[in-house]
Amino acid sequence: MSITLQSFGIRRNWYNINPTNNTGYLSVTPASGTETLYEFRITPGSYATFTALATAIQTSLNAAITDHSIAALTPGGTTATYDSISRLFTITCTKSAGNNTTAVQIKCFAVKGPPPVGVSLHGGFSDLHEILGGKPLRSATATGGSLTLVSGGANVEQLQSKFPASLNTLDAVYIHLPGLETGNFMSTGLEAHIAEGIRLVESSLFARIPFDSSSFDEIHEVVQFEDSGGDSFQSFLTRKSLEHIEMRVTDAKGRSLANIDHTQEEEGLLSFKAVLRFDIFTPPTPPEPSHGVIHKSMHPPSVSFR
């Protein structure tokens, strides 16, 4: 028996910046003292330009300084800008009086397993480093920051992206068939709960549907796929019957698509439509002395799942 994806469609009802990639930490370390981490979250949304995203980053950092009462930094004194030529963010933090020797950094954790002390689950495994163009900290004991320290003076600390920044961390959606032997394998980076390693593991991955546009717009509102006849996504099952099929749509790391509200799935606003073709293969009829071999196969009609 085989299963083939004939068509798929889902509305892009999630934000580019969302709980999977909007949480990071301001690291503040006095000259004689221990490091303290302060969480900040970029407001979820579909930012069409890097300039708009830079403004949102600046707002989130200043809000964190005020909300956490970070005495070492001046409230409202942090700025974020974007250079369209180098594609790098520059974040400048202004220190308050008497904190000239305080070190300031931004940390983006991407830890599989228990997060560092004082770090939330969202902040412990986040794709914020891709947004900021920073270094991911993949260990709870990792030292250093995610951004490059450009200059540190008596009054300011200027940080810059190490790599080109991004507006989005999702370039495709992934379809899984949990409980079925798809015969597919994946690298460990495609699952949030598997320890990193240079190896392949068995996977329930069935298909990858890429986006036509990196960001939401009116033209590319729907993510869709239509098979051209080449059976691009097909799996042969090691069984003769099926009782039920579960289809799951995730991001590149096996996480459910980030919702805007916790009731979004319940109301059907993250639903998808798919058409699957089932092929059942039968062995050829045993040959008779005076007759040729007749090969038969059954092709049931396509079934639409919703």
C-alpha atoms as a PDB file:
ATOM      1  CA  MET A   1       0.000   0.000   0.000  1.00  0.00           C
ATOM      2  CA  SER A   2       1.199   3.518  -0.747  1.00  0.00           C
ATOM      3  CA  ILE A   3      -0.005   7.018   0.116  1.00  0.00           C
ATOM      4  CA  THR A   4       0.616   9.921  -2.259  1.00  0.00           C
ATOM      5  CA  LEU A   5      -0.048  13.602  -1.630  1.00  0.00           C
ATOM      6  CA  GLN A   6      -2.064  15.009  -4.521  1.00  0.00           C
ATOM      7  CA  SER A   7      -2.773  18.520  -3.220  1.00  0.00           C
ATOM      8  CA  PHE A   8      -2.459  20.575  -0.051  1.00  0.00           C
ATOM      9  CA  GLY A   9      -3.476  24.048   1.048  1.00  0.00           C
ATOM     10  CA  ILE A  10      -3.364  26.087   4.249  1.00  0.00           C
ATOM     11  CA  ARG A  11      -4.022  29.770   4.873  1.00  0.00           C
ATOM     12  CA  ARG A  12      -1.083  31.670   6.280  1.00  0.00           C
ATOM     13  CA  ASN A  13      -2.860  32.475   9.537  1.00  0.00           C
ATOM     14  CA  TRP A  14       0.258  32.917  11.630  1.00  0.00           C
ATOM     15  CA  TYR A  15       2.758  35.719  12.124  1.00  0.00           C
ATOM     16  CA  ASN A  16       6.348  35.888  10.910  1.00  0.00           C
ATOM     17  CA  ILE A  17       7.404  36.965  14.397  1.00  0.00           C
ATOM     18  CA  ASN A  18       5.742  34.647  16.898  1.00  0.00           C
ATOM     19  CA  PRO A  19       6.425  32.699  20.113  1.00  0.00           C
ATOM     20  CA  THR A  20       8.893  30.411  18.295  1.00  0.00           C
ATOM     21  CA  ASN A  21      11.277  33.256  17.403  1.00  0.00           C
ATOM     22  CA  ASN A  22      10.556  36.407  19.447  1.00  0.00           C
ATOM     23  CA  THR A  23      12.091  35.694  22.875  1.00  0.00           C
ATOM     24  CA  GLY A  24      15.605  36.631  23.915  1.00  0.00           C
ATOM     25  CA  TYR A  25      17.571  37.893  26.912  1.00  0.00           C
ATOM     26  CA  LEU A  26      19.442  41.018  27.887  1.00  0.00           C
ATOM     27  CA  SER A  27      22.581  39.925  29.718  1.00  0.00           C
ATOM     28  CA  VAL A  28      23.821  42.482  32.257  1.00  0.00           C
ATOM     29  CA  THR A  29      27.079  41.809  34.111  1.00  0.00           C
ATOM     30  CA  PRO A  30      28.664  44.347  36.501  1.00  0.00           C
ATOM     31  CA  ALA A  31      32.472  44.566  36.617  1.00  0.00           C
ATOM     32  CA  SER A  32      32.414  42.839  39.989  1.00  0.00           C
ATOM     33  CA  GLY A  33      29.364  40.639  40.071  1.00  0.00           C
ATOM     34  CA  THR A  34      27.406  37.879  38.439  1.00  0.00           C
ATOM     35  CA  GLU A  35      25.431  37.913  35.201  1.00  0.00           C
ATOM     36  CA  THR A  36      21.686  38.574  35.305  1.00  0.00           C
ATOM     37  CA  LEU A  37      19.366  37.685  32.434  1.00  0.00           C
ATOM     38  CA  TYR A  38      16.302  39.786  31.626  1.00  0.00           C
ATOM     39  CA  GLU A  39      13.766  38.412  29.147  1.00  0.00           C
ATOM     40  CA  PHE A  40      12.419  40.503  26.285  1.00  0.00           C
ATOM     41  CA  ARG A  41       9.825  39.598  23.665  1.00  0.00           C
ATOM     42  CA  ILE A  42       9.305  41.209  20.282  1.00  0.00           C
ATOM     43  CA  THR A  43       5.617  41.881  19.706  1.00  0.00           C
ATOM     44  CA  PRO A  44       4.242  39.152  17.381  1.00  0.00           C
ATOM     45  CA  GLY A  45       3.293  40.376  13.901  1.00  0.00           C
ATOM     46  CA  SER A  46       3.962  40.192  10.174  1.00  0.00           C
ATOM     47  CA  TYR A  47       6.680  42.777   9.637  1.00  0.00           C
ATOM     48  CA  ALA A  48       7.020  43.534   5.944  1.00  0.00           C
ATOM     49  CA  THR A  49      10.271  45.509   6.227  1.00  0.00           C
ATOM     50  CA  PHE A  50      13.434  45.327   8.306  1.00  0.00           C
ATOM     51  CA  THR A  51      12.918  48.942   9.333  1.00  0.00           C
ATOM     52  CA  ALA A  52       9.589  48.055  10.943  1.00  0.00           C
ATOM     53  CA  LEU A  53      11.184  45.040  12.604  1.00  0.00           C
ATOM     54  CA  ALA A  54      14.065  47.173  13.948  1.00  0.00           C
ATOM     55  CA  THR A  55      11.517  49.507  15.537  1.00  0.00           C
ATOM     56  CA  ALA A  56       9.772  46.530  17.159  1.00  0.00           C
ATOM     57  CA  ILE A  57      13.102  45.220  18.519  1.00  0.00           C
ATOM     58  CA  GLN A  58      13.930  48.632  19.954  1.00  0.00           C
ATOM     59  CA  THR A  59      10.504  48.874  21.583  1.00  0.00           C
ATOM     60  CA  SER A  60      10.782  45.411  23.140  1.00  0.00           C
ATOM     61  CA  LEU A  61      14.226  46.088  24.598  1.00  0.00           C
ATOM     62  CA  ASN A  62      13.204  49.411  26.122  1.00  0.00           C
ATOM     63  CA  ALA A  63      10.044  47.811  27.521  1.00  0.00           C
ATOM     64  CA  ALA A  64      12.149  45.088  29.159  1.00  0.00           C
ATOM     65  CA  ILE A  65      14.480  47.673  30.718  1.00  0.00           C
ATOM     66  CA  THR A  66      11.468  49.461  32.221  1.00  0.00           C
ATOM     67  CA  ASP A  67       9.491  46.360  33.231  1.00  0.00           C
ATOM     68  CA  HIS A  68      12.475  44.669  34.891  1.00  0.00           C
ATOM     69  CA  SER A  69      13.769  47.944  36.379  1.00  0.00           C
ATOM     70  CA  ILE A  70      17.272  47.314  35.031  1.00  0.00           C
ATOM     71  CA  ALA A  71      19.240  49.943  36.932  1.00  0.00           C
ATOM     72  CA  ALA A  72      22.355  49.574  34.768  1.00  0.00           C
ATOM     73  CA  LEU A  73      20.575  50.807  31.632  1.00  0.00           C
ATOM     74  CA  THR A  74      18.818  54.068  30.880  1.00  0.00           C
ATOM     75  CA  PRO A  75      15.047  53.672  30.331  1.00  0.00           C
ATOM     76  CA  GLY A  76      14.230  54.462  26.710  1.00  0.00           C
ATOM     77  CA  GLY A  77      17.919  54.744  25.871  1.00  0.00           C
ATOM     78  CA  THR A  78      18.261  51.682  23.640  1.00  0.00           C
ATOM     79  CA  THR A  79      18.071  52.002  19.847  1.00  0.00           C
ATOM     80  CA  ALA A  80      17.964  49.435  17.032  1.00  0.00           C
ATOM     81  CA  THR A  81      18.743  50.177  13.386  1.00  0.00           C
ATOM     82  CA  TYR A  82      19.105  48.115  10.218  1.00  0.00           C
ATOM     83  CA  ASP A  83      21.606  48.499   7.378  1.00  0.00           C
ATOM     84  CA  SER A  84      20.121  47.334   4.062  1.00  0.00           C
ATOM     85  CA  ILE A  85      23.583  46.956   2.487  1.00  0.00           C
ATOM     86  CA  SER A  86      25.202  44.738   5.123  1.00  0.00           C
ATOM     87  CA  ARG A  87      21.815  43.304   6.229  1.00  0.00           C
ATOM     88  CA  LEU A  88      22.868  43.669   9.861  1.00  0.00           C
ATOM     89  CA  PHE A  89      21.086  45.050  12.914  1.00  0.00           C
ATOM     90  CA  THR A  90      22.929  47.468  15.207  1.00  0.00           C
ATOM     91  CA  ILE A  91      21.670  47.752  18.784  1.00  0.00           C
ATOM     92  CA  THR A  92      22.991  50.536  21.010  1.00  0.00           C
ATOM     93  CA  CYS A  93      22.344  50.359  24.759  1.00  0.00           C
ATOM     94  CA  THR A  94      22.852  53.487  26.870  1.00  0.00           C
ATOM     95  CA  LYS A  95      24.161  52.854  30.375  1.00  0.00           C
ATOM     96  CA  SER A  96      22.950  54.755  33.392  1.00  0.00           C
ATOM     97  CA  ALA A  97      25.254  56.850  35.572  1.00  0.00           C
ATOM     98  CA  GLY A  98      27.678  54.825  37.668  1.00  0.00           C
ATOM     99  CA  ASN A  99      27.486  51.722  35.460  1.00  0.00           C
ATOM    100  CA  ASN A 100      30.232  52.545  32.973  1.00  0.00           C
ATOM    101  CA  THR A 101      32.010  49.210  33.437  1.00  0.00           C
ATOM    102  CA  THR A 102      28.873  47.068  33.187  1.00  0.00           C
ATOM    103  CA  ALA A 103      28.915  44.597  30.287  1.00  0.00           C
ATOM    104  CA  VAL A 104      25.736  44.265  28.217  1.00  0.00           C
ATOM    105  CA  GLN A 105      24.937  41.536  25.696  1.00  0.00           C
ATOM    106  CA  ILE A 106      21.972  39.889  24.005  1.00  0.00           C
ATOM    107  CA  LYS A 107      21.612  36.120  24.308  1.00  0.00           C
ATOM    108  CA  CYS A 108      19.552  33.888  22.015  1.00  0.00           C
ATOM    109  CA  PHE A 109      19.186  30.371  23.402  1.00  0.00           C
ATOM    110  CA  ALA A 110      18.468  27.326  21.227  1.00  0.00           C
ATOM    111  CA  VAL A 111      18.888  24.619  23.870  1.00  0.00           C
ATOM    112  CA  LYS A 112      17.336  21.185  23.386  1.00  0.00           C
ATOM    113  CA  GLY A 113      16.452  19.928  26.838  1.00  0.00           C
ATOM    114  CA  PRO A 114      16.152  21.789  30.141  1.00  0.00           C
ATOM    115  CA  PRO A 115      16.641  25.556  29.621  1.00  0.00           C
ATOM    116  CA  PRO A 116      19.252  27.544  31.573  1.00  0.00           C
ATOM    117  CA  VAL A 117      18.314  28.767  35.045  1.00  0.00           C
ATOM    118  CA  GLY A 118      16.020  31.756  34.839  1.00  0.00           C
ATOM    119  CA  VAL A 119      15.112  31.102  31.197  1.00  0.00           C
ATOM    120  CA  SER A 120      11.564  30.264  30.080  1.00  0.00           C
ATOM    121  CA  LEU A 121      10.627  27.374  27.793  1.00  0.00           C
ATOM    122  CA  HIS A 122       9.980  29.746  24.885  1.00  0.00           C
ATOM    123  CA  GLY A 123      13.250  31.563  25.519  1.00  0.00           C
ATOM    124  CA  GLY A 124      15.252  28.379  26.018  1.00  0.00           C
ATOM    125  CA  PHE A 125      14.566  27.074  22.513  1.00  0.00           C
ATOM    126  CA  SER A 126      13.942  30.003  20.202  1.00  0.00           C
ATOM    127  CA  ASP A 127      14.799  30.942  16.626  1.00  0.00           C
ATOM    128  CA  LEU A 128      15.446  34.570  17.559  1.00  0.00           C
ATOM    129  CA  HIS A 129      19.096  34.188  16.530  1.00  0.00           C
ATOM    130  CA  GLU A 130      17.930  33.816  12.902  1.00  0.00           C
ATOM    131  CA  ILE A 131      15.909  37.026  13.145  1.00  0.00           C
ATOM    132  CA  LEU A 132      18.748  39.035  14.706  1.00  0.00           C
ATOM    133  CA  GLY A 133      21.502  37.374  12.683  1.00  0.00           C
ATOM    134  CA  GLY A 134      23.125  36.199  15.884  1.00  0.00           C
ATOM    135  CA  LYS A 135      24.944  33.148  17.200  1.00  0.00           C
ATOM    136  CA  PRO A 136      22.632  30.497  18.723  1.00  0.00           C
ATOM    137  CA  LEU A 137      23.627  29.411  22.231  1.00  0.00           C
ATOM    138  CA  ARG A 138      22.985  25.659  22.132  1.00  0.00           C
ATOM    139  CA  SER A 139      24.092  24.800  25.659  1.00  0.00           C
ATOM    140  CA  ALA A 140      22.702  25.855  29.030  1.00  0.00           C
ATOM    141  CA  THR A 141      26.269  26.613  30.115  1.00  0.00           C
ATOM    142  CA  ALA A 142      27.266  28.513  26.961  1.00  0.00           C
ATOM    143  CA  THR A 143      29.240  31.673  27.617  1.00  0.00           C
ATOM    144  CA  GLY A 144      29.455  34.849  25.582  1.00  0.00           C
ATOM    145  CA  GLY A 145      26.714  36.636  23.693  1.00  0.00           C
ATOM    146  CA  SER A 146      24.878  36.126  20.436  1.00  0.00           C
ATOM    147  CA  LEU A 147      25.868  39.445  18.868  1.00  0.00           C
ATOM    148  CA  THR A 148      29.216  41.071  18.131  1.00  0.00           C
ATOM    149  CA  LEU A 149      30.403  43.794  20.478  1.00  0.00           C
ATOM    150  CA  VAL A 150      31.286  46.622  18.096  1.00  0.00           C
ATOM    151  CA  SER A 151      32.272  49.222  20.652  1.00  0.00           C
ATOM    152  CA  GLY A 152      31.883  49.708  24.369  1.00  0.00           C
ATOM    153  CA  GLY A 153      32.422  53.143  25.776  1.00  0.00           C
ATOM    154  CA  ALA A 154      31.840  54.817  29.089  1.00  0.00           C
ATOM    155  CA  ASN A 155      28.186  55.432  28.305  1.00  0.00           C
ATOM    156  CA  VAL A 156      27.111  52.986  25.610  1.00  0.00           C
ATOM    157  CA  GLU A 157      27.420  49.389  24.491  1.00  0.00           C
ATOM    158  CA  GLN A 158      26.995  48.842  20.749  1.00  0.00           C
ATOM    159  CA  LEU A 159      26.086  45.360  19.502  1.00  0.00           C
ATOM    160  CA  GLN A 160      25.797  44.180  15.909  1.00  0.00           C
ATOM    161  CA  SER A 161      24.534  41.096  14.068  1.00  0.00           C
ATOM    162  CA  LYS A 162      27.167  38.470  13.303  1.00  0.00           C
ATOM    163  CA  PHE A 163      25.307  37.229  10.212  1.00  0.00           C
ATOM    164  CA  PRO A 164      22.612  38.565   7.839  1.00  0.00           C
ATOM    165  CA  ALA A 165      19.313  39.128   9.629  1.00  0.00           C
ATOM    166  CA  SER A 166      15.933  37.674   8.603  1.00  0.00           C
ATOM    167  CA  LEU A 167      12.300  38.741   8.556  1.00  0.00           C
ATOM    168  CA  ASN A 168      11.091  35.181   8.926  1.00  0.00           C
ATOM    169  CA  THR A 169      12.346  31.856  10.276  1.00  0.00           C
ATOM    170  CA  LEU A 170       9.933  29.600   8.397  1.00  0.00           C
ATOM    171  CA  ASP A 171      10.431  28.883   4.692  1.00  0.00           C
ATOM    172  CA  ALA A 172       8.075  25.908   4.433  1.00  0.00           C
ATOM    173  CA  VAL A 173       5.563  23.807   6.335  1.00  0.00           C
ATOM    174  CA  TYR A 174       6.170  20.129   7.001  1.00  0.00           C
ATOM    175  CA  ILE A 175       3.541  17.385   6.920  1.00  0.00           C
ATOM    176  CA  HIS A 176       3.948  14.433   9.288  1.00  0.00           C
ATOM    177  CA  LEU A 177       2.078  11.128   9.394  1.00  0.00           C
ATOM    178  CA  PRO A 178       2.518  10.075  13.047  1.00  0.00           C
ATOM    179  CA  GLY A 179       2.200   6.364  13.673  1.00  0.00           C
ATOM    180  CA  LEU A 180       2.890   5.321  10.076  1.00  0.00           C
ATOM    181  CA  GLU A 181       6.109   3.865   8.705  1.00  0.00           C
ATOM    182  CA  THR A 182       6.872   6.396   5.984  1.00  0.00           C
ATOM    183  CA  GLY A 183      10.329   4.951   5.331  1.00  0.00           C
ATOM    184  CA  ASN A 184      11.799   8.442   5.619  1.00  0.00           C
ATOM    185  CA  PHE A 185      14.733   9.702   7.653  1.00  0.00           C
ATOM    186  CA  MET A 186      15.729  13.164   8.874  1.00  0.00           C
ATOM    187  CA  SER A 187      18.600  14.942  10.545  1.00  0.00           C
ATOM    188  CA  THR A 188      18.278  15.798  14.229  1.00  0.00           C
ATOM    189  CA  GLY A 189      17.817  19.505  13.527  1.00  0.00           C
ATOM    190  CA  LEU A 190      14.289  18.833  12.228  1.00  0.00           C
ATOM    191  CA  GLU A 191      12.981  17.820  15.654  1.00  0.00           C
ATOM    192  CA  ALA A 192      12.983  20.014  18.749  1.00  0.00           C
ATOM    193  CA  HIS A 193      13.058  17.056  21.156  1.00  0.00           C
ATOM    194  CA  ILE A 194      15.945  15.074  19.664  1.00  0.00           C
ATOM    195  CA  ALA A 195      19.486  15.721  20.880  1.00  0.00           C
ATOM    196  CA  GLU A 196      21.754  17.270  18.278  1.00  0.00           C
ATOM    197  CA  GLY A 197      24.085  14.916  16.480  1.00  0.00           C
ATOM    198  CA  ILE A 198      25.589  14.041  13.114  1.00  0.00           C
ATOM    199  CA  ARG A 199      23.194  11.223  12.342  1.00  0.00           C
ATOM    200  CA  LEU A 200      19.880  10.366  10.711  1.00  0.00           C
ATOM    201  CA  VAL A 201      16.840   9.177  12.629  1.00  0.00           C
ATOM    202  CA  GLU A 202      13.597   7.578  11.524  1.00  0.00           C
ATOM    203  CA  SER A 203      10.964  10.173  10.821  1.00  0.00           C
ATOM    204  CA  SER A 204       7.233  10.576  10.323  1.00  0.00           C
ATOM    205  CA  LEU A 205       7.975  13.307   7.767  1.00  0.00           C
ATOM    206  CA  PHE A 206       5.869  12.939   4.654  1.00  0.00           C
ATOM    207  CA  ALA A 207       6.143  16.198   2.709  1.00  0.00           C
ATOM    208  CA  ARG A 208       7.698  19.652   2.704  1.00  0.00           C
ATOM    209  CA  ILE A 209       5.655  22.478   1.175  1.00  0.00           C
ATOM    210  CA  PRO A 210       7.812  25.583   0.497  1.00  0.00           C
ATOM    211  CA  PHE A 211       6.519  29.161   0.511  1.00  0.00           C
ATOM    212  CA  ASP A 212       6.341  31.360  -2.572  1.00  0.00           C
ATOM    213  CA  SER A 213       7.071  34.468  -0.490  1.00  0.00           C
ATOM    214  CA  SER A 214       9.129  34.898   2.680  1.00  0.00           C
ATOM    215  CA  SER A 215       6.488  37.133   4.227  1.00  0.00           C
ATOM    216  CA  PHE A 216       2.706  37.316   4.150  1.00  0.00           C
ATOM    217  CA  ASP A 217       1.091  39.396   1.415  1.00  0.00           C
ATOM    218  CA  GLU A 218      -2.279  39.462  -0.327  1.00  0.00           C
ATOM    219  CA  ILE A 219      -0.965  37.544  -3.350  1.00  0.00           C
ATOM    220  CA  HIS A 220       0.594  34.705  -1.342  1.00  0.00           C
ATOM    221  CA  GLU A 221      -2.052  34.363   1.345  1.00  0.00           C
ATOM    222  CA  VAL A 222      -2.383  30.594   0.845  1.00  0.00           C
ATOM    223  CA  VAL A 223       0.434  28.041   1.020  1.00  0.00           C
ATOM    224  CA  GLN A 224      -0.439  25.374  -1.511  1.00  0.00           C
ATOM    225  CA  PHE A 225       0.838  22.388  -3.452  1.00  0.00           C
ATOM    226  CA  GLU A 226      -0.498  20.529  -6.493  1.00  0.00           C
ATOM    227  CA  ASP A 227       1.247  17.363  -7.644  1.00  0.00           C
ATOM    228  CA  SER A 228       2.313  17.623 -11.275  1.00  0.00           C
ATOM    229  CA  GLY A 229       1.985  13.891 -11.848  1.00  0.00           C
ATOM    230  CA  GLY A 230       5.402  12.817 -10.654  1.00  0.00           C
ATOM    231  CA  ASP A 231       4.260  11.584  -7.222  1.00  0.00           C
ATOM    232  CA  SER A 232       6.609  14.015  -5.483  1.00  0.00           C
ATOM    233  CA  PHE A 233       5.525  12.944  -1.999  1.00  0.00           C
ATOM    234  CA  GLN A 234       4.796   9.238  -1.784  1.00  0.00           C
ATOM    235  CA  SER A 235       5.358   6.674   0.958  1.00  0.00           C
ATOM    236  CA  PHE A 236       5.070   2.900   0.753  1.00  0.00           C
ATOM    237  CA  LEU A 237       3.656   1.444   3.949  1.00  0.00           C
ATOM    238  CA  THR A 238       4.719  -1.871   5.460  1.00  0.00           C
ATOM    239  CA  ARG A 239       1.143  -2.874   6.235  1.00  0.00           C
ATOM    240  CA  LYS A 240      -1.943  -4.168   4.448  1.00  0.00           C
ATOM    241  CA  SER A 241      -4.646  -2.153   6.212  1.00  0.00           C
ATOM    242  CA  LEU A 242      -5.225   1.192   7.911  1.00  0.00           C
ATOM    243  CA  GLU A 243      -7.559   1.976  10.783  1.00  0.00           C
ATOM    244  CA  HIS A 244      -6.944   5.706  10.855  1.00  0.00           C
ATOM    245  CA  ILE A 245      -4.577   8.388   9.561  1.00  0.00           C
ATOM    246  CA  GLU A 246      -3.297  11.368  11.512  1.00  0.00           C
ATOM    247  CA  MET A 247      -1.788  14.308   9.640  1.00  0.00           C
ATOM    248  CA  ARG A 248       0.194  16.948  11.475  1.00  0.00           C
ATOM    249  CA  VAL A 249       1.507  20.223  10.046  1.00  0.00           C
ATOM    250  CA  THR A 250       4.606  21.649  11.748  1.00  0.00           C
ATOM    251  CA  ASP A 251       7.468  24.070  11.277  1.00  0.00           C
ATOM    252  CA  ALA A 252      11.026  23.045  10.377  1.00  0.00           C
ATOM    253  CA  LYS A 253      11.767  21.865  13.930  1.00  0.00           C
ATOM    254  CA  GLY A 254       8.682  19.728  14.441  1.00  0.00           C
ATOM    255  CA  ARG A 255       6.788  22.369  16.437  1.00  0.00           C
ATOM    256  CA  SER A 256       3.136  23.126  15.871  1.00  0.00           C
ATOM    257  CA  LEU A 257       2.519  26.301  13.873  1.00  0.00           C
ATOM    258  CA  ALA A 258       2.498  29.270  16.234  1.00  0.00           C
ATOM    259  CA  ASN A 259      -1.030  30.434  16.954  1.00  0.00           C
ATOM    260  CA  ILE A 260      -2.146  33.979  17.626  1.00  0.00           C
ATOM    261  CA  ASP A 261      -4.698  32.943  20.253  1.00  0.00           C
ATOM    262  CA  HIS A 262      -5.005  29.666  22.164  1.00  0.00           C
ATOM    263  CA  THR A 263      -8.486  29.118  20.670  1.00  0.00           C
ATOM    264  CA  GLN A 264      -7.323  29.496  17.067  1.00  0.00           C
ATOM    265  CA  GLU A 265      -7.055  25.752  16.432  1.00  0.00           C
ATOM    266  CA  GLU A 266     -10.335  25.037  18.227  1.00  0.00           C
ATOM    267  CA  GLU A 267     -12.158  27.476  15.957  1.00  0.00           C
ATOM    268  CA  GLY A 268     -10.655  25.871  12.846  1.00  0.00           C
ATOM    269  CA  LEU A 269      -8.565  28.891  11.845  1.00  0.00           C
ATOM    270  CA  LEU A 270      -5.399  26.851  11.432  1.00  0.00           C
ATOM    271  CA  SER A 271      -7.094  24.116   9.409  1.00  0.00           C
ATOM    272  CA  PHE A 272      -5.709  22.697   6.177  1.00  0.00           C
ATOM    273  CA  LYS A 273      -7.080  20.777   3.215  1.00  0.00           C
ATOM    274  CA  ALA A 274      -5.344  17.838   1.580  1.00  0.00           C
ATOM    275  CA  VAL A 275      -6.081  15.182  -1.014  1.00  0.00           C
ATOM    276  CA  LEU A 276      -4.375  11.815  -0.621  1.00  0.00           C
ATOM    277  CA  ARG A 277      -4.250   8.968  -3.133  1.00  0.00           C
ATOM    278  CA  PHE A 278      -4.166   5.411  -1.859  1.00  0.00           C
ATOM    279  CA  ASP A 279      -2.679   2.724  -4.093  1.00  0.00           C
ATOM    280  CA  ILE A 280      -3.052  -0.951  -3.250  1.00  0.00           C
ATOM    281  CA  PHE A 281      -0.652  -3.288  -5.048  1.00  0.00           C
ATOM    282  CA  THR A 282      -1.564  -6.923  -5.568  1.00  0.00           C
ATOM    283  CA  PRO A 283       0.737  -9.712  -6.700  1.00  0.00           C
ATOM    284  CA  PRO A 284       0.314 -10.991 -10.257  1.00  0.00           C
ATOM    285  CA  THR A 285      -2.088 -13.850 -10.909  1.00  0.00           C
ATOM    286  CA  PRO A 286      -0.205 -17.169 -10.944  1.00  0.00           C
ATOM    287  CA  PRO A 287       0.447 -18.156 -14.550  1.00  0.00           C
ATOM    288  CA  GLU A 288      -1.427 -21.031 -16.077  1.00  0.00           C
ATOM    289  CA  PRO A 289       0.153 -23.343 -18.631  1.00  0.00           C
ATOM    290  CA  SER A 290      -1.756 -21.911 -21.574  1.00  0.00           C
ATOM    291  CA  HIS A 291      -2.222 -18.298 -20.499  1.00  0.00           C
ATOM    292  CA  GLY A 292       0.050 -15.284 -19.995  1.00  0.00           C
ATOM    293  CA  VAL A 293       0.504 -13.470 -16.721  1.00  0.00           C
ATOM    294  CA  ILE A 294      -2.056 -10.767 -16.009  1.00  0.00           C
ATOM    295  CA  HIS A 295      -1.026  -7.961 -13.718  1.00  0.00           C
ATOM    296  CA  LYS A 296      -3.813  -6.283 -11.830  1.00  0.00           C
ATOM    297  CA  SER A 297      -3.787  -3.285  -9.548  1.00  0.00           C
ATOM    298  CA  MET A 298      -6.496  -1.318  -7.840  1.00  0.00           C
ATOM    299  CA  HIS A 299      -6.533   2.474  -7.732  1.00  0.00           C
ATOM    300  CA  PRO A 300      -9.310   3.640  -5.415  1.00  0.00           C
ATOM    301  CA  PRO A 301     -10.579   7.182  -5.935  1.00  0.00           C
ATOM    302  CA  SER A 302      -8.827  10.032  -4.153  1.00  0.00           C
ATOM    303  CA  VAL A 303     -10.038  10.874  -0.646  1.00  0.00           C
ATOM    304  CA  SER A 304     -10.236  14.438   0.625  1.00  0.00           C
ATOM    305  CA  PHE A 305      -9.174  15.089   4.225  1.00  0.00           C
ATOM    306  CA  ARG A 306     -10.052  18.215   6.113  1.00  0.00           C
END
